[in-house]
Protein backbone atom coordinates (compact mmCIF):
# COMPACT_ATOMS: atom_id res chain seq x y z
CA MET A 1 119.25 22.21 -21.87
CA THR A 2 118.13 25.41 -23.35
CA ILE A 3 114.46 26.30 -23.40
CA THR A 4 113.44 28.79 -25.99
CA SER A 5 110.23 30.70 -25.46
CA THR A 6 108.14 31.44 -28.51
CA PRO A 7 105.87 34.45 -28.43
CA PRO A 8 102.21 33.51 -28.79
CA SER A 9 100.88 33.85 -32.27
CA ALA A 10 97.68 35.66 -33.15
CA PRO A 11 94.56 33.56 -32.69
CA SER A 12 93.64 31.58 -35.79
CA PRO A 13 90.15 31.78 -37.23
CA THR A 14 89.43 28.26 -36.11
CA THR A 15 90.11 29.10 -32.48
CA ALA A 16 88.15 32.35 -32.38
CA SER A 17 85.21 32.33 -30.01
CA TRP A 18 81.74 32.26 -31.49
CA GLU A 19 80.77 35.35 -29.49
CA GLU A 20 83.64 37.36 -31.03
CA LEU A 21 82.56 36.36 -34.53
CA VAL A 22 78.95 37.34 -33.80
CA THR A 23 80.09 40.71 -32.43
CA ALA A 24 82.15 41.40 -35.56
CA ALA A 25 79.20 40.49 -37.76
CA LEU A 26 76.81 42.74 -35.85
CA LEU A 27 79.12 45.75 -35.74
CA GLY A 28 80.50 45.30 -39.26
CA THR A 29 84.06 44.44 -40.32
CA ASP A 30 84.85 48.12 -40.91
CA ARG A 31 84.36 48.75 -37.17
CA ARG A 32 85.50 45.43 -35.72
CA THR A 33 88.24 43.32 -37.32
CA PRO A 34 87.38 39.60 -37.28
CA PRO A 35 89.54 37.57 -34.87
CA GLY A 36 92.72 36.44 -36.57
CA GLY A 37 91.96 38.58 -39.62
CA GLU A 38 93.33 41.78 -41.09
CA PRO A 39 91.38 44.98 -41.69
CA GLY A 40 90.65 45.83 -45.29
CA PRO A 41 88.49 44.70 -48.17
CA GLY A 42 89.14 40.99 -47.43
CA ALA A 43 87.72 41.21 -43.90
CA PRO A 44 84.12 40.19 -44.76
CA ALA A 45 85.29 37.03 -46.55
CA ALA A 46 87.62 36.23 -43.67
CA LEU A 47 84.71 36.59 -41.22
CA LEU A 48 82.60 34.13 -43.19
CA ASP A 49 85.49 31.65 -43.42
CA ALA A 50 86.05 31.89 -39.68
CA ALA A 51 82.33 31.39 -38.99
CA ALA A 52 82.23 28.31 -41.21
CA ALA A 53 85.28 26.78 -39.53
CA GLU A 54 83.91 27.55 -36.05
CA THR A 55 80.59 25.95 -36.95
CA VAL A 56 82.32 22.72 -37.99
CA ARG A 57 84.45 22.77 -34.84
CA ARG A 58 81.42 23.31 -32.58
CA ARG A 59 79.48 20.49 -34.18
CA ALA A 60 82.41 18.10 -34.14
CA GLY A 61 82.97 18.85 -30.49
CA LEU A 62 79.47 17.85 -29.35
CA ARG A 63 79.35 14.91 -27.02
CA PRO A 64 77.06 12.13 -28.25
CA ALA A 65 73.76 12.01 -26.39
CA ARG A 66 71.78 8.95 -25.46
CA ALA A 67 69.67 7.89 -28.42
CA ALA A 68 65.96 8.53 -28.01
CA ARG A 69 63.59 5.61 -28.12
CA ARG A 70 62.33 5.01 -31.63
CA PRO A 71 58.60 5.70 -31.97
CA VAL A 72 56.34 2.76 -32.48
CA PRO A 73 55.45 2.26 -36.15
CA ALA A 74 52.40 4.08 -37.44
CA PRO A 75 49.27 1.91 -37.46
CA GLU A 76 47.92 0.54 -40.71
CA ASP A 77 44.84 2.13 -42.26
CA PRO A 78 42.76 -0.68 -43.82
CA ARG A 79 40.57 1.63 -45.88
CA PRO A 80 41.06 1.79 -49.67
CA PRO A 81 43.35 4.54 -51.01
CA LEU A 82 42.06 7.59 -52.81
CA PRO A 83 41.91 7.53 -56.60
CA ALA A 84 44.94 9.32 -58.04
CA ALA A 85 42.95 12.28 -59.37
CA ALA A 86 41.18 12.74 -56.02
CA ALA A 87 44.49 12.61 -54.14
CA LYS A 88 45.89 15.31 -56.40
CA ARG A 89 42.76 17.40 -55.83
CA LEU A 90 43.15 17.09 -52.05
CA THR A 91 46.68 18.44 -52.29
CA THR A 92 45.37 21.44 -54.22
CA LEU A 93 42.58 22.10 -51.72
CA LEU A 94 44.95 21.94 -48.76
CA ALA A 95 47.48 24.25 -50.41
CA ASP A 96 44.89 26.98 -50.98
CA ARG A 97 44.72 29.97 -48.67
CA PRO A 98 41.61 31.99 -47.80
CA GLY A 99 40.96 34.93 -50.09
CA ALA A 100 39.85 38.42 -49.22
CA ALA A 101 37.62 39.13 -46.30
CA ALA A 102 33.92 38.45 -46.64
CA GLY A 103 32.17 41.16 -48.60
CA GLY A 104 35.23 42.02 -50.70
CA ARG A 105 35.80 41.19 -54.33
CA ARG A 106 37.56 37.84 -54.64
CA GLY A 107 37.93 37.65 -58.42
CA ALA A 108 36.53 34.82 -60.51
CA ALA A 109 38.63 32.03 -58.95
CA PRO A 110 36.87 29.58 -56.59
CA ASP A 111 37.65 29.66 -52.88
CA LEU A 112 39.08 26.17 -52.57
CA MET A 113 39.26 26.09 -48.77
CA GLU A 114 35.50 26.55 -48.64
CA LEU A 115 35.13 23.40 -50.76
CA LEU A 116 37.28 21.28 -48.47
CA PRO A 117 34.47 20.42 -45.97
CA GLN A 118 32.29 19.12 -48.80
CA TRP A 119 35.19 17.14 -50.28
CA LEU A 120 35.93 15.57 -46.88
CA ALA A 121 32.28 14.64 -46.36
CA THR A 122 32.15 12.85 -49.70
CA ALA A 123 35.48 11.08 -49.14
CA ASN A 124 34.29 9.90 -45.72
CA THR A 125 31.01 8.67 -47.15
CA ARG A 126 32.93 6.57 -49.67
CA GLY A 127 35.27 5.24 -46.99
CA PHE A 128 38.62 6.30 -48.42
CA ALA A 129 41.86 6.53 -46.44
CA ALA A 130 43.87 9.72 -46.41
CA PRO A 131 47.22 9.66 -48.29
CA PRO A 132 50.02 9.56 -45.67
CA GLU A 133 51.85 12.45 -47.30
CA ALA A 134 48.75 14.67 -46.96
CA LEU A 135 48.30 14.14 -43.21
CA PRO A 136 50.48 17.05 -41.98
CA ALA A 137 48.70 19.58 -44.19
CA LEU A 138 45.32 18.09 -43.25
CA LEU A 139 46.09 18.40 -39.53
CA ASP A 140 47.30 21.97 -40.03
CA ALA A 141 44.04 22.84 -41.79
CA ALA A 142 41.99 21.24 -38.99
CA ARG A 143 44.06 23.07 -36.39
CA GLY A 144 43.14 26.42 -37.93
CA ARG A 145 39.44 25.64 -38.45
CA THR A 146 37.52 23.89 -35.72
CA ASP A 147 34.58 23.25 -38.06
CA LEU A 148 36.83 20.98 -40.13
CA ARG A 149 38.04 18.84 -37.25
CA PRO A 150 35.38 16.09 -37.04
CA ALA A 151 35.46 15.33 -40.77
CA ALA A 152 39.22 15.83 -41.08
CA LEU A 153 40.06 13.51 -38.18
CA ARG A 154 37.66 10.87 -39.43
CA PHE A 155 39.28 11.00 -42.86
CA ALA A 156 42.82 11.13 -41.45
CA GLY A 157 42.25 7.96 -39.45
CA PRO A 158 44.57 6.35 -36.88
CA ARG A 159 47.76 7.67 -38.44
CA ALA A 160 46.74 11.24 -37.63
CA LEU A 161 46.58 10.34 -33.94
CA TRP A 162 50.01 8.72 -34.22
CA LEU A 163 51.37 11.97 -35.67
CA ALA A 164 49.58 14.07 -33.06
CA ARG A 165 51.54 12.35 -30.29
CA LEU A 166 54.76 13.54 -31.96
CA ASN A 167 53.82 17.18 -32.61
CA PRO A 168 52.37 19.45 -29.89
CA ASP A 169 50.69 21.61 -32.55
CA TRP A 170 48.34 18.72 -33.35
CA ARG A 171 47.41 17.77 -29.81
CA PHE A 172 43.82 18.88 -30.49
CA ALA A 173 43.39 15.53 -32.29
CA LEU A 174 44.14 13.69 -29.06
CA ARG A 175 41.77 15.84 -27.03
CA ALA A 176 38.99 15.18 -29.52
CA THR A 177 39.32 11.42 -29.08
CA PRO A 178 38.44 9.58 -25.85
CA GLY A 179 41.50 8.20 -24.12
CA GLY A 180 43.94 10.75 -25.51
CA GLY A 181 43.99 9.30 -28.98
CA SER A 182 43.15 5.74 -28.13
CA ALA A 183 40.10 4.12 -29.60
CA LEU A 184 36.93 4.34 -27.54
CA PRO A 185 36.84 1.34 -25.21
CA GLY A 186 34.58 -1.32 -26.65
CA PRO A 187 31.43 -2.76 -25.08
CA GLY A 188 33.46 -5.30 -23.11
CA ALA A 189 36.09 -2.87 -21.81
CA ALA A 190 34.25 -1.68 -18.71
CA ASP A 191 37.46 -1.35 -16.71
CA ARG A 192 39.04 0.94 -19.32
CA VAL A 193 35.91 3.09 -19.47
CA ARG A 194 35.84 3.39 -15.69
CA ARG A 195 39.53 4.27 -15.48
CA LEU A 196 39.26 6.90 -18.20
CA TRP A 197 36.19 8.41 -16.55
CA ASP A 198 37.90 8.55 -13.14
CA GLU A 199 41.37 9.65 -14.26
CA GLY A 200 40.98 11.37 -17.64
CA LEU A 201 41.25 15.06 -18.37
CA PHE A 202 38.01 17.01 -18.57
CA ALA A 203 38.03 17.14 -22.38
CA GLU A 204 38.65 13.39 -22.52
CA ARG A 205 35.77 12.72 -20.13
CA VAL A 206 33.41 14.91 -22.18
CA ALA A 207 34.40 13.08 -25.36
CA LEU A 208 34.03 9.71 -23.64
CA LEU A 209 30.57 10.53 -22.30
CA ALA A 210 29.37 11.83 -25.67
CA SER A 211 30.65 8.74 -27.50
CA LEU A 212 29.24 6.36 -24.93
CA ARG A 213 25.90 8.18 -24.92
CA ALA A 214 25.55 7.64 -28.68
CA ARG A 215 26.21 3.90 -28.27
CA ASP A 216 24.81 3.07 -24.84
CA PRO A 217 22.57 5.82 -23.42
CA ALA A 218 21.82 3.98 -20.20
CA GLY A 219 25.49 3.16 -19.59
CA ALA A 220 26.49 6.78 -20.12
CA ARG A 221 23.81 7.96 -17.71
CA GLY A 222 24.93 5.46 -15.09
CA LEU A 223 28.55 6.55 -15.47
CA LEU A 224 27.58 10.18 -14.98
CA ALA A 225 25.39 9.38 -11.97
CA SER A 226 28.25 7.52 -10.26
CA THR A 227 30.31 10.71 -9.82
CA TRP A 228 27.60 13.38 -10.10
CA ALA A 229 27.78 14.52 -6.47
CA THR A 230 31.53 15.20 -6.62
CA GLU A 231 31.68 17.04 -9.97
CA ARG A 232 32.15 20.81 -10.22
CA ALA A 233 29.07 22.83 -11.18
CA GLU A 234 30.46 23.91 -14.55
CA ASP A 235 31.42 20.31 -15.32
CA ARG A 236 27.98 19.02 -14.30
CA LEU A 237 26.43 21.44 -16.76
CA MET A 238 28.59 20.20 -19.65
CA PHE A 239 28.02 16.57 -18.76
CA LEU A 240 24.27 17.06 -18.42
CA ASP A 241 24.15 18.56 -21.89
CA SER A 242 25.33 15.25 -23.32
CA LEU A 243 22.00 13.69 -22.36
CA ARG A 244 20.38 15.52 -25.28
CA THR A 245 21.69 12.68 -27.43
CA GLY A 246 19.22 9.83 -27.19
CA LEU A 247 17.03 11.63 -24.65
CA ALA A 248 14.38 9.14 -23.49
CA PRO A 249 11.87 8.59 -20.65
CA ALA A 250 14.45 6.43 -18.90
CA ASP A 251 16.46 9.62 -18.25
CA GLU A 252 13.63 11.20 -16.25
CA PRO A 253 14.57 9.98 -12.73
CA PHE A 254 18.11 11.29 -13.06
CA LEU A 255 16.91 14.62 -14.47
CA GLU A 256 14.32 14.97 -11.70
CA GLN A 257 17.14 14.67 -9.17
CA ALA A 258 19.10 17.32 -11.06
CA LEU A 259 16.21 19.75 -10.51
CA ALA A 260 17.46 20.06 -6.94
CA ASP A 261 21.03 20.82 -7.97
CA ARG A 262 22.96 23.63 -6.30
CA SER A 263 23.64 25.33 -9.65
CA ARG A 264 20.84 27.36 -11.23
CA ASN A 265 22.19 26.64 -14.72
CA VAL A 266 22.16 22.90 -14.07
CA ARG A 267 18.58 23.11 -12.79
CA ALA A 268 17.52 25.08 -15.85
CA THR A 269 19.12 22.58 -18.25
CA ALA A 270 17.53 19.64 -16.43
CA ALA A 271 14.12 21.34 -16.64
CA GLU A 272 14.59 22.02 -20.35
CA LEU A 273 15.42 18.38 -21.03
CA LEU A 274 12.45 17.18 -19.00
CA SER A 275 10.10 19.51 -20.84
CA ALA A 276 11.28 17.90 -24.09
CA LEU A 277 9.79 14.65 -22.74
CA PRO A 278 6.03 15.31 -23.12
CA ASP A 279 5.09 12.45 -20.76
CA SER A 280 7.40 13.51 -17.94
CA ALA A 281 6.10 14.56 -14.55
CA LEU A 282 7.64 18.01 -14.99
CA ALA A 283 5.81 18.48 -18.30
CA ALA A 284 2.56 17.56 -16.56
CA ARG A 285 3.21 20.05 -13.76
CA MET A 286 3.99 22.81 -16.25
CA ALA A 287 0.88 21.97 -18.26
CA ALA A 288 -1.25 22.22 -15.13
CA ARG A 289 0.14 25.67 -14.46
CA ALA A 290 -0.09 26.83 -18.08
CA VAL A 291 -3.76 25.91 -18.57
CA THR A 292 -4.70 28.16 -15.65
CA CYS A 293 -3.19 31.05 -17.62
CA VAL A 294 -4.61 30.36 -21.10
CA SER A 295 -8.26 29.69 -21.84
CA LEU A 296 -10.87 30.05 -24.58
CA ASP A 297 -13.17 33.07 -24.41
CA ARG A 298 -16.34 31.77 -26.09
CA ALA A 299 -17.72 35.12 -27.16
CA PRO A 300 -20.81 34.70 -29.32
CA ASP A 301 -19.49 36.83 -32.17
CA ARG A 302 -15.90 35.47 -32.36
CA PRO A 303 -13.98 33.08 -30.08
CA ALA A 304 -10.65 34.33 -28.78
CA ILE A 305 -7.87 33.22 -26.47
CA ALA A 306 -7.86 34.85 -23.06
CA VAL A 307 -4.62 35.12 -21.08
CA GLU A 308 -4.13 35.66 -17.37
CA ALA A 309 -0.40 35.65 -16.66
CA PRO A 310 0.91 34.34 -13.31
CA HIS A 311 0.93 36.79 -10.44
CA GLU A 312 3.89 35.18 -8.65
CA CYS A 313 6.73 32.73 -9.17
CA ASP A 314 6.51 30.30 -6.27
CA ALA A 315 9.12 27.84 -5.03
CA GLY A 316 7.62 24.98 -7.00
CA MET A 317 7.91 26.92 -10.24
CA GLU A 318 11.51 27.80 -9.50
CA ARG A 319 12.34 24.17 -8.74
CA ASP A 320 10.88 23.22 -12.14
CA GLY A 321 13.21 25.60 -13.92
CA VAL A 322 11.25 28.86 -14.06
CA VAL A 323 13.67 31.75 -13.70
CA ALA A 324 12.11 34.28 -11.36
CA LYS A 325 13.98 37.42 -12.36
CA PRO A 326 13.31 38.62 -15.92
CA PRO A 327 15.96 40.18 -18.15
CA GLY A 328 16.01 43.93 -18.59
CA GLY A 329 13.02 45.33 -20.41
CA ARG A 330 10.73 42.35 -19.70
CA GLY A 331 7.83 42.36 -17.31
CA GLU A 332 7.75 39.67 -14.64
CA ARG A 333 4.33 38.25 -15.49
CA SER A 334 4.96 37.93 -19.22
CA TRP A 335 8.36 36.40 -18.48
CA TRP A 336 6.83 33.74 -16.23
CA LEU A 337 4.00 33.06 -18.68
CA GLY A 338 6.39 32.42 -21.54
CA GLN A 339 8.39 29.90 -19.52
CA LEU A 340 5.27 27.99 -18.45
CA VAL A 341 3.85 27.76 -21.97
CA GLU A 342 7.08 26.75 -23.66
CA ALA A 343 7.60 23.92 -21.14
CA ALA A 344 4.05 22.55 -21.41
CA PRO A 345 3.41 19.71 -23.89
CA LEU A 346 1.83 21.06 -27.07
CA ALA A 347 -0.73 18.25 -26.86
CA THR A 348 -2.23 20.22 -23.95
CA TRP A 349 -3.75 22.92 -26.12
CA PRO A 350 -6.24 21.22 -28.46
CA ALA A 351 -8.22 19.91 -25.47
CA ARG A 352 -7.93 23.24 -23.65
CA LEU A 353 -8.98 25.32 -26.67
CA GLY A 354 -12.10 23.60 -27.90
CA GLY A 355 -10.62 20.61 -29.75
CA ARG A 356 -8.96 22.78 -32.38
CA GLY A 357 -5.81 21.74 -34.20
CA PRO A 358 -2.58 23.76 -34.29
CA GLU A 359 -3.51 25.85 -37.36
CA GLU A 360 -6.91 26.76 -35.93
CA ILE A 361 -5.41 27.61 -32.55
CA VAL A 362 -2.73 29.83 -34.06
CA ALA A 363 -5.38 31.61 -36.16
CA LEU A 364 -7.45 32.56 -33.09
CA PRO A 365 -7.17 36.17 -31.91
CA VAL A 366 -5.54 36.68 -28.52
CA ALA A 367 -7.02 39.24 -26.16
CA ASP A 368 -5.28 42.14 -24.45
CA GLY A 369 -2.10 42.18 -26.53
CA TRP A 370 -0.79 38.78 -25.41
CA ARG A 371 -0.58 37.35 -28.93
CA GLY A 372 3.13 37.93 -29.51
CA GLU A 373 4.17 36.53 -26.13
CA LEU A 374 1.94 33.46 -26.43
CA HIS A 375 2.92 32.63 -30.00
CA ALA A 376 6.62 33.13 -29.27
CA ALA A 377 6.36 30.61 -26.39
CA TRP A 378 4.61 28.14 -28.68
CA CYS A 379 7.46 28.60 -31.18
CA ARG A 380 10.00 27.64 -28.55
CA ALA A 381 7.88 24.67 -27.49
CA ALA A 382 7.57 23.42 -31.08
CA VAL A 383 11.36 23.57 -31.52
CA ARG A 384 12.06 21.88 -28.18
CA GLN A 385 9.50 19.12 -28.74
CA ARG A 386 10.32 18.72 -32.46
CA ASP A 387 6.64 19.08 -33.36
CA GLY A 388 6.29 19.54 -37.14
CA ALA A 389 2.53 20.20 -37.10
CA TRP A 390 2.89 23.14 -34.72
CA ALA A 391 5.97 24.38 -36.57
CA ARG A 392 3.99 24.49 -39.85
CA ALA A 393 1.15 26.33 -38.19
CA LEU A 394 3.44 28.90 -36.61
CA LEU A 395 5.51 29.39 -39.76
CA GLY A 396 2.44 29.97 -41.89
CA ALA A 397 2.69 30.36 -45.63
CA PRO A 398 6.04 31.61 -46.94
CA THR A 399 4.12 34.14 -49.02
CA ALA A 400 2.58 35.77 -45.95
CA PRO A 401 2.87 39.58 -45.77
CA GLU A 402 5.91 40.98 -44.01
CA ALA A 403 7.71 37.66 -44.48
CA GLY A 404 6.26 36.21 -41.29
CA GLY A 405 3.84 33.53 -40.23
CA PRO A 406 1.09 34.05 -37.69
CA GLY A 407 3.34 33.13 -34.79
CA ALA A 408 6.91 33.61 -35.98
CA VAL A 409 7.85 36.88 -34.39
CA SER A 410 11.45 36.93 -35.55
CA LEU A 411 13.68 35.60 -38.29
CA ALA A 412 15.63 33.56 -35.74
CA GLU A 413 12.45 31.78 -34.61
CA ARG A 414 11.43 31.02 -38.20
CA THR A 415 14.88 29.54 -38.75
CA LYS A 416 14.54 27.29 -35.70
CA LEU A 417 11.03 26.20 -36.69
CA LEU A 418 12.31 25.17 -40.11
CA GLY A 419 14.71 22.79 -38.40
CA THR A 420 11.78 20.64 -37.26
CA LEU A 421 10.59 19.96 -40.84
CA ARG A 422 11.74 17.39 -43.38
CA ALA A 423 14.54 18.52 -45.70
CA SER A 424 12.32 18.66 -48.80
CA GLU A 425 9.61 20.61 -47.01
CA ARG A 426 12.19 22.99 -45.61
CA ALA A 427 13.63 23.68 -49.08
CA ASP A 428 10.18 24.29 -50.61
CA TRP A 429 9.23 26.73 -47.82
CA VAL A 430 12.45 28.73 -48.19
CA ALA A 431 12.06 28.74 -51.99
CA GLY A 432 8.57 30.23 -51.60
CA PHE A 433 9.88 32.76 -49.12
CA ILE A 434 12.62 33.91 -51.51
CA ALA A 435 10.26 34.08 -54.48
CA THR A 436 7.99 36.42 -52.49
CA HIS A 437 10.39 38.43 -50.37
CA GLY A 438 13.74 38.21 -52.15
CA LEU A 439 17.08 37.50 -50.52
CA SER A 440 17.35 40.32 -48.00
CA GLU A 441 16.32 38.10 -45.04
CA ALA A 442 17.02 34.68 -46.53
CA PHE A 443 20.63 34.06 -45.45
CA GLN A 444 19.79 32.43 -42.11
CA LEU A 445 16.97 30.43 -43.67
CA LEU A 446 19.24 29.08 -46.40
CA GLY A 447 21.62 27.81 -43.76
CA MET A 448 18.92 25.38 -42.61
CA CYS A 449 18.60 23.71 -46.02
CA GLY A 450 20.36 20.51 -47.03
CA VAL A 451 23.23 20.38 -49.52
CA PRO A 452 22.98 20.31 -52.45
CA TRP A 453 19.92 22.54 -52.55
CA ALA A 454 16.75 21.07 -53.98
CA PRO A 455 16.04 22.16 -57.58
CA SER A 456 13.16 24.43 -56.52
CA LEU A 457 15.34 26.22 -53.98
CA GLY A 458 18.30 26.54 -56.35
CA ARG A 459 16.12 28.09 -59.04
CA ALA A 460 14.61 30.51 -56.53
CA VAL A 461 18.04 31.69 -55.38
CA VAL A 462 19.41 32.13 -58.91
CA ASP A 463 16.27 33.95 -60.06
CA ALA A 464 16.43 36.29 -57.05
CA LEU A 465 20.10 37.05 -57.73
CA ASP A 466 19.27 37.76 -61.36
CA ILE A 467 16.44 40.11 -60.34
CA ALA A 468 18.75 41.92 -57.90
CA ARG A 469 21.35 42.34 -60.63
CA ASP A 470 18.83 43.70 -63.16
CA ALA A 471 17.47 46.10 -60.55
CA GLY A 472 20.92 47.64 -60.10
CA SER A 473 21.03 46.58 -56.45
CA TYR A 474 24.15 47.16 -54.41
CA PRO A 475 26.02 43.93 -55.26
CA TRP A 476 28.23 43.47 -52.23
CA SER A 477 25.21 43.02 -49.96
CA PHE A 478 24.55 39.68 -51.72
CA SER A 479 28.07 38.30 -51.33
CA GLY A 480 27.04 36.05 -48.43
CA VAL A 481 24.23 34.44 -50.42
CA MET A 482 26.54 34.10 -53.42
CA GLY A 483 29.10 32.32 -51.24
CA LEU A 484 26.40 29.93 -50.00
CA ALA A 485 25.33 29.26 -53.59
CA GLU A 486 28.90 28.32 -54.52
CA ARG A 487 28.90 25.61 -51.83
CA CYS A 488 25.26 24.51 -51.88
CA LEU A 489 23.81 24.92 -55.38
CA ASP A 490 23.48 21.68 -57.31
CA PRO A 491 26.38 21.54 -59.83
CA ALA A 492 23.84 20.53 -62.47
CA GLU A 493 22.56 24.11 -62.36
CA ALA A 494 25.78 25.48 -63.90
CA GLY A 495 24.38 25.35 -67.42
CA ARG A 496 21.50 27.63 -66.46
CA LEU A 497 23.91 30.37 -65.45
CA ASN A 498 25.72 30.89 -68.74
CA GLY A 499 23.38 33.72 -69.67
CA LEU A 500 24.42 35.65 -66.53
CA LEU A 501 28.14 35.82 -67.26
CA ALA A 502 28.06 38.91 -69.48
CA ILE A 503 28.47 42.37 -67.96
CA PRO A 504 25.00 43.95 -67.96
CA ASP A 505 24.25 47.51 -68.98
CA GLU A 506 24.22 49.68 -65.89
CA SER A 507 21.32 52.01 -65.26
CA GLU A 508 21.85 55.53 -64.00
CA ASP A 509 20.85 54.65 -60.44
CA ALA A 510 22.95 51.46 -60.28
CA SER A 511 25.99 51.23 -58.01
CA PRO A 512 29.20 52.17 -59.86
CA GLY A 513 30.96 49.04 -61.08
CA ALA A 514 28.06 46.82 -60.06
CA GLY A 515 27.74 45.22 -63.48
CA GLY A 516 31.34 44.07 -63.49
CA TYR A 517 31.01 42.70 -59.96
CA TRP A 518 27.90 40.71 -60.83
CA ALA A 519 29.53 39.23 -63.94
CA GLU A 520 32.62 38.31 -61.94
CA ALA A 521 30.54 36.77 -59.15
CA PHE A 522 28.47 34.68 -61.55
CA GLN A 523 31.64 33.56 -63.32
CA ARG A 524 33.07 32.44 -59.99
CA LEU A 525 29.81 30.63 -59.22
CA VAL A 526 29.85 28.75 -62.53
CA THR A 527 33.54 27.86 -62.16
CA THR A 528 32.98 26.61 -58.62
CA LEU A 529 29.98 24.48 -59.62
CA ARG A 530 31.97 22.84 -62.39
CA LEU A 531 34.84 22.24 -60.01
CA ARG A 532 32.49 20.59 -57.52
CA ALA A 533 31.17 18.35 -60.29
CA ALA A 534 34.72 17.35 -61.18
CA MET A 535 35.53 16.64 -57.53
CA ALA A 536 32.51 14.35 -57.23
CA GLU A 537 33.51 12.46 -60.38
CA GLU A 538 37.07 11.99 -59.11
CA LEU A 539 35.88 10.52 -55.83
CA ALA A 540 33.31 8.34 -57.60
CA ALA A 541 36.06 6.83 -59.74
CA GLY A 542 37.18 4.75 -56.77
């Protein structure tokens, strides 16, 4: 028997190693001939053919893996579907991308992403279900903007949580829902609540406590008390903050115990919550201290308030939340005085100061330069105790000189005081402020007003913008207010703005190009208002 040996042939393209093909591609076929190929002009095509054949071979040679378990079907959403026009609008809103940075020129086109929160709020109010095909884009939008998450997850419904379990990028939806995406245990599911509280992640426990506090304040407090002694200080602080929801006299015993906590921040938060309960024992103790510092000087010519600030911060004061060491630049005595007055019930002062009401008290002169410190403490007390009468007195008239009331020593304090008033009263005050002082300090105040703005407030804002334009003011400084107007102005006001769309004549001292900017900004405002009106009609059609 004769055996004939055959010399090995050159490797065929289909047997070339993937690494050799990659090397040839990286170096170029003029420097490295593809395996099994010939140098020359046909080498690139031969390389691609070899790569295609190797790809098929590699895929065909894979061993079958064990099939993964099929996911459970997505839950049903019983809510009614969106009207067709509204569903199409949602797709457009989600596809939009933010424009230029704030303060830059954005053109006349509306910023659709800024309209999405308002659209979601309306859709949620009407009880619509999100279209399944829109859920991925909706979750992506909520992932990038935390302010969208509550409304977006409510609108997305149970199917969004189902998707979040399949995509790590959307896990925020699970963390925002007690039980890792499960529904909050119902009133009869005490065992599930207990297990989630004992075994859940910190974010899940915070969400559980907040949800339970809104539904069953006493149950939430009892749950927190059951593990209070073993919680970390930073966790105790977060949990204690949840008691702001539904704060009531029944919370006082627990908060009194928290005054002895090891953490200074926990003690301070407990004291703040107790001082928001005017009938609490802590409020009474602080009132007793405060009245020794503030009295009425009954001078025959003109009564005035006399102030004698504390000379020391004793252990009892520290236990009740008074911070002994002042921040830099503050004197100790004024620092202690402010904390005592802001924690004392505001009902303390009429009896202490001659039976006068809040407006009369605020109008009294204060001796020895203590007026600013005393009024600032009363501002904080009015905000903490949600006292509208004191807030009105401290705000004063919006037409007051220097844009301030008798006690509002800063724009931030005026903004907080406004939050204690009814929405209509708030809008009227801000409208009067803008009519007198313009828009230079109004941005924060406008943020406290309900949407859409009341007619009086909307007219005040538009008139102030028109005045600024005619005065040749630097236009970009009003871009923030203009952006607020796009989102908050009543769409019915669009017709009033038609006269502002033309490019005005620019005066010699006007900013270069200001006229064109103003015309463009007003055009964007009108377009946005009309778009908002159309969005409302589309959602109302359902």
